[in-house]
Amino acid sequence: MQEQLKQLKEVNRNLRKEIRKRMGDCLNDLSIEDLQGLEREMDSSVNIIRDRKYRSLSNQIDTSRKKVRNVEEIHKNLLHELDALKEDPYGLVDNGGDYDTLIGYQNGGGGGSSLTTYALLD
């Protein structure tokens, strides 16, 4: 148990020392090789961070582009619906037919039309 505690304290001390080095503290005690190794680690870390940030921004841009395309499609559909409503608000189509002749055919070919009314029952 005591041996494990000593090992954990040693690991803790080494990690704290590594953190101080990376934060820029106690660099005077490092050799040239250690400083060059620290510089390589920092460069590697910066590259990893840049790659992650680039991927994150790329994903955000792709998502935004998809949203814009979706909104443009919705807008286009709404414009088509609006144009359709402006053309004929009742949904009727006037194809220029002669409606009087249709009424005449319904009534046996006669010239006049007859309407029948029905009373509504409560």
N, C-alpha and C. Protein backbone atom coordinates (compact mmCIF):
# COMPACT_ATOMS: atom_id res chain seq x y z
N MET A 1 0.83 -1.19 0.00
CA MET A 1 0.00 0.00 0.00
C MET A 1 0.87 1.25 0.00
N GLN A 2 1.92 1.23 0.84
CA GLN A 2 2.83 2.37 0.91
C GLN A 2 3.58 2.54 -0.41
N GLU A 3 3.94 1.44 -1.02
CA GLU A 3 4.67 1.49 -2.29
C GLU A 3 3.80 2.09 -3.40
N GLN A 4 2.52 1.72 -3.41
CA GLN A 4 1.59 2.25 -4.40
C GLN A 4 1.39 3.75 -4.18
N LEU A 5 1.31 4.17 -2.93
CA LEU A 5 1.17 5.58 -2.61
C LEU A 5 2.38 6.37 -3.10
N LYS A 6 3.59 5.83 -2.91
CA LYS A 6 4.80 6.50 -3.39
C LYS A 6 4.79 6.61 -4.91
N GLN A 7 4.34 5.57 -5.58
CA GLN A 7 4.28 5.60 -7.05
C GLN A 7 3.29 6.66 -7.53
N LEU A 8 2.14 6.72 -6.89
CA LEU A 8 1.13 7.71 -7.28
C LEU A 8 1.63 9.13 -7.03
N LYS A 9 2.34 9.34 -5.92
CA LYS A 9 2.90 10.67 -5.65
C LYS A 9 3.94 11.04 -6.69
N GLU A 10 4.73 10.07 -7.11
CA GLU A 10 5.75 10.31 -8.15
C GLU A 10 5.09 10.67 -9.48
N VAL A 11 4.04 9.94 -9.84
CA VAL A 11 3.30 10.23 -11.07
C VAL A 11 2.69 11.63 -10.99
N ASN A 12 2.12 11.95 -9.84
CA ASN A 12 1.51 13.26 -9.64
C ASN A 12 2.56 14.36 -9.78
N ARG A 13 3.72 14.18 -9.17
CA ARG A 13 4.79 15.18 -9.24
C ARG A 13 5.27 15.35 -10.68
N ASN A 14 5.41 14.25 -11.41
CA ASN A 14 5.85 14.33 -12.81
C ASN A 14 4.81 15.04 -13.69
N LEU A 15 3.55 14.76 -13.43
CA LEU A 15 2.49 15.42 -14.20
C LEU A 15 2.45 16.91 -13.92
N ARG A 16 2.61 17.29 -12.66
CA ARG A 16 2.63 18.71 -12.31
C ARG A 16 3.82 19.42 -12.97
N LYS A 17 4.96 18.74 -12.99
CA LYS A 17 6.16 19.29 -13.61
C LYS A 17 5.91 19.47 -15.12
N GLU A 18 5.28 18.48 -15.75
CA GLU A 18 4.98 18.55 -17.18
C GLU A 18 4.02 19.70 -17.47
N ILE A 19 3.04 19.87 -16.61
CA ILE A 19 2.08 20.97 -16.78
C ILE A 19 2.80 22.31 -16.66
N ARG A 20 3.69 22.45 -15.67
CA ARG A 20 4.44 23.70 -15.51
C ARG A 20 5.29 23.99 -16.75
N LYS A 21 5.91 22.94 -17.31
CA LYS A 21 6.72 23.12 -18.52
C LYS A 21 5.85 23.63 -19.67
N ARG A 22 4.71 23.03 -19.82
CA ARG A 22 3.84 23.42 -20.94
C ARG A 22 3.23 24.80 -20.73
N MET A 23 3.12 25.20 -19.50
CA MET A 23 2.60 26.54 -19.22
C MET A 23 3.71 27.60 -19.34
N GLY A 24 4.97 27.15 -19.46
CA GLY A 24 6.07 28.09 -19.63
C GLY A 24 6.83 28.37 -18.36
N ASP A 25 6.48 27.73 -17.27
CA ASP A 25 7.21 27.91 -16.00
C ASP A 25 8.44 27.00 -16.01
N CYS A 26 9.43 27.37 -15.27
CA CYS A 26 10.66 26.60 -15.03
C CYS A 26 11.31 26.07 -16.31
N LEU A 27 11.35 26.91 -17.34
CA LEU A 27 12.01 26.50 -18.58
C LEU A 27 13.53 26.65 -18.49
N ASN A 28 14.00 27.40 -17.48
CA ASN A 28 15.44 27.61 -17.33
C ASN A 28 16.17 26.32 -17.00
N ASP A 29 15.49 25.39 -16.38
CA ASP A 29 16.12 24.14 -15.97
C ASP A 29 16.21 23.12 -17.10
N LEU A 30 15.60 23.39 -18.25
CA LEU A 30 15.55 22.42 -19.34
C LEU A 30 16.77 22.53 -20.25
N SER A 31 17.17 21.41 -20.80
CA SER A 31 18.27 21.40 -21.76
C SER A 31 17.73 21.76 -23.14
N ILE A 32 18.63 21.95 -24.08
CA ILE A 32 18.25 22.28 -25.45
C ILE A 32 17.38 21.18 -26.04
N GLU A 33 17.77 19.93 -25.80
CA GLU A 33 16.99 18.80 -26.34
C GLU A 33 15.58 18.78 -25.77
N ASP A 34 15.49 19.06 -24.45
CA ASP A 34 14.16 19.09 -23.82
C ASP A 34 13.32 20.23 -24.41
N LEU A 35 13.94 21.38 -24.63
CA LEU A 35 13.21 22.51 -25.21
C LEU A 35 12.76 22.20 -26.64
N GLN A 36 13.60 21.54 -27.41
CA GLN A 36 13.22 21.18 -28.77
C GLN A 36 12.09 20.14 -28.76
N GLY A 37 12.16 19.20 -27.83
CA GLY A 37 11.08 18.22 -27.69
C GLY A 37 9.77 18.89 -27.30
N LEU A 38 9.85 19.85 -26.39
CA LEU A 38 8.66 20.60 -25.97
C LEU A 38 8.09 21.39 -27.15
N GLU A 39 8.98 21.96 -27.96
CA GLU A 39 8.53 22.71 -29.14
C GLU A 39 7.81 21.78 -30.13
N ARG A 40 8.35 20.59 -30.35
CA ARG A 40 7.70 19.63 -31.24
C ARG A 40 6.32 19.22 -30.70
N GLU A 41 6.25 18.99 -29.39
CA GLU A 41 4.96 18.64 -28.77
C GLU A 41 3.95 19.76 -28.95
N MET A 42 4.41 21.00 -28.78
CA MET A 42 3.51 22.15 -28.95
C MET A 42 3.04 22.27 -30.40
N ASP A 43 3.95 22.09 -31.34
CA ASP A 43 3.57 22.13 -32.76
C ASP A 43 2.55 21.04 -33.09
N SER A 44 2.82 19.86 -32.58
CA SER A 44 1.90 18.75 -32.81
C SER A 44 0.52 19.05 -32.21
N SER A 45 0.52 19.59 -31.01
CA SER A 45 -0.75 19.93 -30.35
C SER A 45 -1.51 20.99 -31.12
N VAL A 46 -0.80 22.00 -31.60
CA VAL A 46 -1.44 23.06 -32.38
C VAL A 46 -2.05 22.49 -33.66
N ASN A 47 -1.34 21.58 -34.32
CA ASN A 47 -1.87 20.97 -35.54
C ASN A 47 -3.12 20.15 -35.26
N ILE A 48 -3.12 19.43 -34.17
CA ILE A 48 -4.31 18.64 -33.79
C ILE A 48 -5.49 19.56 -33.53
N ILE A 49 -5.24 20.65 -32.81
CA ILE A 49 -6.31 21.60 -32.50
C ILE A 49 -6.84 22.25 -33.77
N ARG A 50 -5.95 22.61 -34.68
CA ARG A 50 -6.39 23.21 -35.95
C ARG A 50 -7.23 22.24 -36.75
N ASP A 51 -6.81 20.98 -36.80
CA ASP A 51 -7.59 19.98 -37.54
C ASP A 51 -8.99 19.81 -36.94
N ARG A 52 -9.07 19.74 -35.63
CA ARG A 52 -10.38 19.61 -34.98
C ARG A 52 -11.26 20.82 -35.27
N LYS A 53 -10.68 22.01 -35.18
CA LYS A 53 -11.44 23.23 -35.42
C LYS A 53 -11.89 23.29 -36.88
N TYR A 54 -11.00 22.89 -37.79
CA TYR A 54 -11.36 22.89 -39.21
C TYR A 54 -12.52 21.94 -39.47
N ARG A 55 -12.47 20.73 -38.89
CA ARG A 55 -13.57 19.77 -39.06
C ARG A 55 -14.87 20.32 -38.48
N SER A 56 -14.76 20.94 -37.31
CA SER A 56 -15.95 21.50 -36.66
C SER A 56 -16.57 22.60 -37.53
N LEU A 57 -15.72 23.50 -38.04
CA LEU A 57 -16.23 24.58 -38.89
C LEU A 57 -16.80 24.03 -40.20
N SER A 58 -16.15 23.03 -40.76
CA SER A 58 -16.66 22.42 -42.00
C SER A 58 -18.04 21.81 -41.77
N ASN A 59 -18.22 21.12 -40.65
CA ASN A 59 -19.53 20.54 -40.34
C ASN A 59 -20.58 21.62 -40.17
N GLN A 60 -20.22 22.71 -39.49
CA GLN A 60 -21.17 23.81 -39.31
C GLN A 60 -21.54 24.45 -40.64
N ILE A 61 -20.55 24.62 -41.51
CA ILE A 61 -20.82 25.21 -42.82
C ILE A 61 -21.72 24.30 -43.63
N ASP A 62 -21.44 22.99 -43.64
CA ASP A 62 -22.28 22.04 -44.37
C ASP A 62 -23.71 22.05 -43.85
N THR A 63 -23.86 22.08 -42.54
CA THR A 63 -25.20 22.12 -41.95
C THR A 63 -25.93 23.40 -42.34
N SER A 64 -25.22 24.52 -42.32
CA SER A 64 -25.83 25.79 -42.70
C SER A 64 -26.24 25.78 -44.17
N ARG A 65 -25.41 25.21 -45.02
CA ARG A 65 -25.76 25.14 -46.45
C ARG A 65 -27.01 24.29 -46.66
N LYS A 66 -27.11 23.18 -45.94
CA LYS A 66 -28.30 22.33 -46.06
C LYS A 66 -29.54 23.09 -45.60
N LYS A 67 -29.41 23.85 -44.52
CA LYS A 67 -30.55 24.62 -44.02
C LYS A 67 -30.96 25.68 -45.04
N VAL A 68 -29.98 26.33 -45.65
CA VAL A 68 -30.28 27.36 -46.65
C VAL A 68 -30.99 26.74 -47.84
N ARG A 69 -30.50 25.58 -48.32
CA ARG A 69 -31.16 24.90 -49.44
C ARG A 69 -32.59 24.53 -49.09
N ASN A 70 -32.81 24.05 -47.87
CA ASN A 70 -34.14 23.67 -47.43
C ASN A 70 -35.06 24.89 -47.40
N VAL A 71 -34.57 26.00 -46.86
CA VAL A 71 -35.38 27.22 -46.79
C VAL A 71 -35.66 27.75 -48.19
N GLU A 72 -34.68 27.67 -49.10
CA GLU A 72 -34.91 28.11 -50.47
C GLU A 72 -35.98 27.25 -51.14
N GLU A 73 -35.96 25.96 -50.89
CA GLU A 73 -36.97 25.06 -51.47
C GLU A 73 -38.36 25.39 -50.93
N ILE A 74 -38.45 25.62 -49.64
CA ILE A 74 -39.73 26.00 -49.04
C ILE A 74 -40.21 27.31 -49.63
N HIS A 75 -39.31 28.27 -49.78
CA HIS A 75 -39.65 29.58 -50.34
C HIS A 75 -40.17 29.42 -51.77
N LYS A 76 -39.50 28.59 -52.56
CA LYS A 76 -39.91 28.36 -53.94
C LYS A 76 -41.31 27.75 -53.99
N ASN A 77 -41.57 26.77 -53.13
CA ASN A 77 -42.89 26.14 -53.08
C ASN A 77 -43.97 27.14 -52.66
N LEU A 78 -43.65 27.98 -51.70
CA LEU A 78 -44.63 28.99 -51.27
C LEU A 78 -44.91 30.00 -52.38
N LEU A 79 -43.88 30.36 -53.14
CA LEU A 79 -44.11 31.28 -54.26
C LEU A 79 -45.01 30.64 -55.31
N HIS A 80 -44.83 29.35 -55.59
CA HIS A 80 -45.70 28.66 -56.55
C HIS A 80 -47.14 28.64 -56.04
N GLU A 81 -47.31 28.37 -54.76
CA GLU A 81 -48.67 28.37 -54.18
C GLU A 81 -49.29 29.75 -54.25
N LEU A 82 -48.50 30.78 -53.99
CA LEU A 82 -49.00 32.15 -54.04
C LEU A 82 -49.39 32.51 -55.46
N ASP A 83 -48.57 32.15 -56.42
CA ASP A 83 -48.91 32.42 -57.82
C ASP A 83 -50.20 31.71 -58.21
N ALA A 84 -50.37 30.49 -57.75
CA ALA A 84 -51.59 29.74 -58.07
C ALA A 84 -52.81 30.42 -57.45
N LEU A 85 -52.67 30.95 -56.26
CA LEU A 85 -53.79 31.64 -55.62
C LEU A 85 -54.11 32.96 -56.31
N LYS A 86 -53.10 33.64 -56.79
CA LYS A 86 -53.32 34.92 -57.48
C LYS A 86 -54.04 34.70 -58.81
N GLU A 87 -53.71 33.61 -59.49
CA GLU A 87 -54.32 33.34 -60.78
C GLU A 87 -55.82 33.05 -60.65
N ASP A 88 -56.19 32.21 -59.71
CA ASP A 88 -57.60 31.85 -59.54
C ASP A 88 -57.85 31.56 -58.07
N PRO A 89 -58.36 32.54 -57.33
CA PRO A 89 -58.51 32.35 -55.89
C PRO A 89 -59.52 31.27 -55.51
N TYR A 90 -60.41 30.88 -56.42
CA TYR A 90 -61.44 29.90 -56.09
C TYR A 90 -61.11 28.51 -56.60
N GLY A 91 -60.03 28.38 -57.27
CA GLY A 91 -59.64 27.07 -57.76
C GLY A 91 -60.42 26.60 -58.97
N LEU A 92 -61.15 27.53 -59.63
CA LEU A 92 -61.93 27.18 -60.80
C LEU A 92 -61.12 27.46 -62.05
N VAL A 93 -61.39 26.69 -63.07
CA VAL A 93 -60.68 26.88 -64.33
C VAL A 93 -61.69 27.33 -65.37
N ASP A 94 -61.40 28.45 -66.01
CA ASP A 94 -62.26 28.94 -67.08
C ASP A 94 -61.61 28.57 -68.40
N ASN A 95 -62.18 27.58 -69.05
CA ASN A 95 -61.60 27.14 -70.31
C ASN A 95 -62.35 27.73 -71.50
N GLY A 96 -63.16 28.73 -71.28
CA GLY A 96 -63.83 29.43 -72.37
C GLY A 96 -64.98 28.66 -72.99
N GLY A 97 -65.54 27.71 -72.27
CA GLY A 97 -66.63 26.89 -72.82
C GLY A 97 -67.96 27.63 -72.81
N ASP A 98 -68.92 27.12 -73.55
CA ASP A 98 -70.26 27.70 -73.64
C ASP A 98 -71.15 27.00 -72.62
N TYR A 99 -71.39 27.66 -71.50
CA TYR A 99 -72.13 27.03 -70.41
C TYR A 99 -73.63 27.00 -70.68
N ASP A 100 -74.15 27.90 -71.52
CA ASP A 100 -75.58 27.91 -71.81
C ASP A 100 -75.99 26.63 -72.54
N THR A 101 -75.13 26.14 -73.40
CA THR A 101 -75.50 24.92 -74.13
C THR A 101 -75.52 23.72 -73.18
N LEU A 102 -74.68 23.73 -72.16
CA LEU A 102 -74.71 22.63 -71.20
C LEU A 102 -76.01 22.62 -70.42
N ILE A 103 -76.49 23.78 -70.06
CA ILE A 103 -77.76 23.86 -69.34
C ILE A 103 -78.89 23.41 -70.25
N GLY A 104 -78.82 23.78 -71.50
CA GLY A 104 -79.84 23.37 -72.46
C GLY A 104 -79.87 21.86 -72.60
N TYR A 105 -78.74 21.20 -72.63
CA TYR A 105 -78.71 19.75 -72.75
C TYR A 105 -79.27 19.07 -71.51
N GLN A 106 -79.02 19.66 -70.35
CA GLN A 106 -79.54 19.05 -69.13
C GLN A 106 -81.06 19.11 -69.10
N ASN A 107 -81.61 20.12 -69.66
CA ASN A 107 -83.06 20.31 -69.60
C ASN A 107 -83.76 19.76 -70.85
N GLY A 108 -83.17 18.82 -71.49
CA GLY A 108 -83.82 18.20 -72.65
C GLY A 108 -83.62 18.99 -73.93
N GLY A 109 -82.67 19.83 -73.99
CA GLY A 109 -82.39 20.56 -75.21
C GLY A 109 -83.17 21.85 -75.33
N GLY A 110 -83.98 22.17 -74.36
CA GLY A 110 -84.76 23.40 -74.42
C GLY A 110 -83.89 24.62 -74.21
N GLY A 111 -84.44 25.77 -74.52
CA GLY A 111 -83.67 26.99 -74.46
C GLY A 111 -83.54 27.55 -73.06
N GLY A 112 -84.50 27.35 -72.19
CA GLY A 112 -84.46 27.97 -70.87
C GLY A 112 -83.99 27.00 -69.82
N SER A 113 -83.67 27.54 -68.70
CA SER A 113 -83.24 26.69 -67.60
C SER A 113 -84.29 26.69 -66.52
N SER A 114 -84.43 25.59 -65.85
CA SER A 114 -85.38 25.54 -64.74
C SER A 114 -84.61 25.17 -63.48
N LEU A 115 -84.88 25.89 -62.42
CA LEU A 115 -84.22 25.64 -61.15
C LEU A 115 -85.22 25.06 -60.19
N THR A 116 -84.80 24.13 -59.41
CA THR A 116 -85.67 23.54 -58.41
C THR A 116 -85.10 23.91 -57.06
N THR A 117 -85.96 24.34 -56.15
CA THR A 117 -85.51 24.69 -54.81
C THR A 117 -86.09 23.68 -53.82
N TYR A 118 -85.38 23.45 -52.78
CA TYR A 118 -85.81 22.52 -51.74
C TYR A 118 -85.75 23.25 -50.41
N ALA A 119 -86.75 23.05 -49.60
CA ALA A 119 -86.77 23.66 -48.26
C ALA A 119 -85.91 22.83 -47.32
N LEU A 120 -85.22 23.53 -46.44
CA LEU A 120 -84.42 22.83 -45.45
C LEU A 120 -85.29 22.46 -44.27
N LEU A 121 -85.16 21.25 -43.80
CA LEU A 121 -85.94 20.81 -42.66
C LEU A 121 -85.07 20.85 -41.42
N ASP A 122 -85.66 21.31 -40.36
CA ASP A 122 -84.92 21.36 -39.11
C ASP A 122 -84.98 20.06 -38.37
